């Protein structure tokens, strides 16, 4: 997938890289027909990078972006403990909506851009579980 500004990523720190990766993920998911509900939501158990709607289902997305595979693929940073935190955050968000019967799931988007330049590899992994 290539979008405006996706060919080169300047190494300006983790926050800039993370925000850039979240944009790549958002574009990919919206191209798939998902509707954006929110970004960088902060319920009690941590931050949710993206919240989207896939039909009637709320989708809570964790985005991992890397410029090197020294520590593995981006998605390999998603541990069972992280998935449990994501689930707790999602449940808290749904409680705040006062919509307990809302179907939901957890997804991961992996963004890898070798050396911080070039076309990113963006991989959507739906319905992750611990």
Protein backbone atom coordinates (compact mmCIF):
# COMPACT_ATOMS: atom_id res chain seq x y z
CA UNK A 1 0.00 0.00 0.00
CA UNK A 2 1.30 3.45 -0.81
CA UNK A 3 -0.24 6.73 0.22
CA UNK A 4 0.87 10.33 0.15
CA UNK A 5 4.02 10.58 2.20
CA UNK A 6 4.48 6.84 2.50
CA UNK A 7 7.69 6.51 0.47
CA UNK A 8 10.07 8.12 2.95
CA UNK A 9 9.99 8.19 6.72
CA UNK A 10 12.44 10.54 8.37
CA UNK A 11 13.92 9.17 11.58
CA UNK A 12 12.59 11.84 13.91
CA UNK A 13 11.91 9.69 16.92
CA UNK A 14 9.50 7.01 18.01
CA UNK A 15 6.48 9.31 18.33
CA UNK A 16 6.79 10.61 14.78
CA UNK A 17 7.34 7.10 13.42
CA UNK A 18 4.41 5.79 15.44
CA UNK A 19 2.05 8.52 14.21
CA UNK A 20 3.18 7.88 10.64
CA UNK A 21 2.50 4.16 11.08
CA UNK A 22 -0.95 4.87 12.51
CA UNK A 23 -1.74 6.96 9.44
CA UNK A 24 -0.68 4.10 7.15
CA UNK A 25 -2.92 1.73 9.14
CA UNK A 26 -5.88 4.14 9.10
CA UNK A 27 -5.62 4.59 5.34
CA UNK A 28 -5.42 0.83 4.73
CA UNK A 29 -8.43 0.05 6.93
CA UNK A 30 -10.54 2.86 5.49
CA UNK A 31 -9.69 1.61 1.98
CA UNK A 32 -11.12 -1.74 3.15
CA UNK A 33 -14.36 0.03 4.03
CA UNK A 34 -13.93 0.51 7.76
CA UNK A 35 -15.27 3.75 9.27
CA UNK A 36 -13.05 5.74 11.62
CA UNK A 37 -14.59 6.29 15.07
CA UNK A 38 -11.58 7.66 16.94
CA UNK A 39 -7.81 7.85 17.24
CA UNK A 40 -5.52 7.72 20.27
CA UNK A 41 -8.34 7.02 22.71
CA UNK A 42 -7.20 6.89 26.35
CA UNK A 43 -9.46 4.73 28.52
CA UNK A 44 -8.20 3.69 32.00
CA UNK A 45 -6.12 0.70 30.84
CA UNK A 46 -3.97 2.35 28.18
CA UNK A 47 -4.19 3.93 24.77
CA UNK A 48 -6.11 2.57 21.81
CA UNK A 49 -4.41 3.64 18.58
CA UNK A 50 -7.47 3.41 16.33
CA UNK A 51 -11.15 2.64 16.83
CA UNK A 52 -13.07 1.82 13.67
CA UNK A 53 -16.37 0.29 12.72
CA UNK A 54 -16.52 -2.77 10.46
CA UNK A 55 -20.25 -3.05 9.86
CA UNK A 56 -21.80 -3.31 13.33
CA UNK A 57 -18.52 -4.40 14.95
CA UNK A 58 -16.25 -1.98 16.78
CA UNK A 59 -12.63 -2.71 15.93
CA UNK A 60 -9.89 -1.69 18.37
CA UNK A 61 -6.55 -1.52 16.57
CA UNK A 62 -3.01 -1.59 17.89
CA UNK A 63 -0.46 -0.35 15.35
CA UNK A 64 3.19 -1.40 15.57
CA UNK A 65 5.72 0.30 13.31
CA UNK A 66 9.36 -0.65 12.86
CA UNK A 67 12.24 0.37 10.60
CA UNK A 68 14.37 -2.69 11.42
CA UNK A 69 13.78 -6.36 12.12
CA UNK A 70 16.53 -6.50 14.74
CA UNK A 71 13.91 -7.21 17.40
CA UNK A 72 11.57 -9.13 15.09
CA UNK A 73 8.56 -8.15 13.03
CA UNK A 74 6.39 -5.32 14.34
CA UNK A 75 3.50 -7.67 15.18
CA UNK A 76 5.82 -9.82 17.30
CA UNK A 77 5.85 -6.99 19.86
CA UNK A 78 2.19 -7.78 20.65
CA UNK A 79 2.41 -10.05 23.69
CA UNK A 80 -0.46 -11.87 25.41
CA UNK A 81 -0.21 -9.27 28.19
CA UNK A 82 -0.58 -6.47 25.63
CA UNK A 83 -3.64 -8.19 24.14
CA UNK A 84 -5.16 -8.44 27.63
CA UNK A 85 -4.57 -4.69 28.13
CA UNK A 86 -6.14 -4.00 24.74
CA UNK A 87 -9.19 -6.06 25.71
CA UNK A 88 -9.52 -4.24 29.04
CA UNK A 89 -9.29 -0.90 27.23
CA UNK A 90 -11.90 -1.99 24.69
CA UNK A 91 -14.28 -3.14 27.42
CA UNK A 92 -13.81 0.15 29.28
CA UNK A 93 -14.50 2.10 26.08
CA UNK A 94 -17.70 0.13 25.44
CA UNK A 95 -18.84 0.69 29.04
CA UNK A 96 -18.34 4.43 28.53
CA UNK A 97 -20.57 4.18 25.46
CA UNK A 98 -23.19 2.43 27.60
CA UNK A 99 -23.53 -0.14 24.82
CA UNK A 100 -22.71 -3.50 26.44
CA UNK A 101 -24.15 -5.57 23.58
CA UNK A 102 -21.92 -3.98 20.94
CA UNK A 103 -19.88 -6.64 19.11
CA UNK A 104 -16.16 -5.88 19.10
CA UNK A 105 -12.78 -7.35 18.28
CA UNK A 106 -9.08 -6.58 18.52
CA UNK A 107 -6.94 -6.14 15.41
CA UNK A 108 -3.26 -5.42 14.87
CA UNK A 109 -1.68 -3.56 11.98
CA UNK A 110 2.03 -4.14 11.40
CA UNK A 111 3.93 -1.44 9.52
CA UNK A 112 7.50 -2.21 8.47
CA UNK A 113 9.56 0.28 6.50
CA UNK A 114 13.14 -1.00 6.06
CA UNK A 115 15.70 1.58 7.12
CA UNK A 116 12.99 4.21 7.47
CA UNK A 117 12.70 4.77 3.71
CA UNK A 118 10.88 3.24 0.79
CA UNK A 119 7.50 1.60 0.51
CA UNK A 120 6.11 0.26 3.78
CA UNK A 121 4.87 -3.28 4.27
CA UNK A 122 1.47 -2.85 5.94
CA UNK A 123 -0.16 -6.03 7.24
CA UNK A 124 -3.62 -6.18 8.84
CA UNK A 125 -4.11 -9.00 11.36
CA UNK A 126 -7.79 -9.21 12.38
CA UNK A 127 -9.22 -10.73 15.54
CA UNK A 128 -6.08 -11.24 17.63
CA UNK A 129 -6.45 -13.19 20.86
CA UNK A 130 -4.19 -13.88 23.84
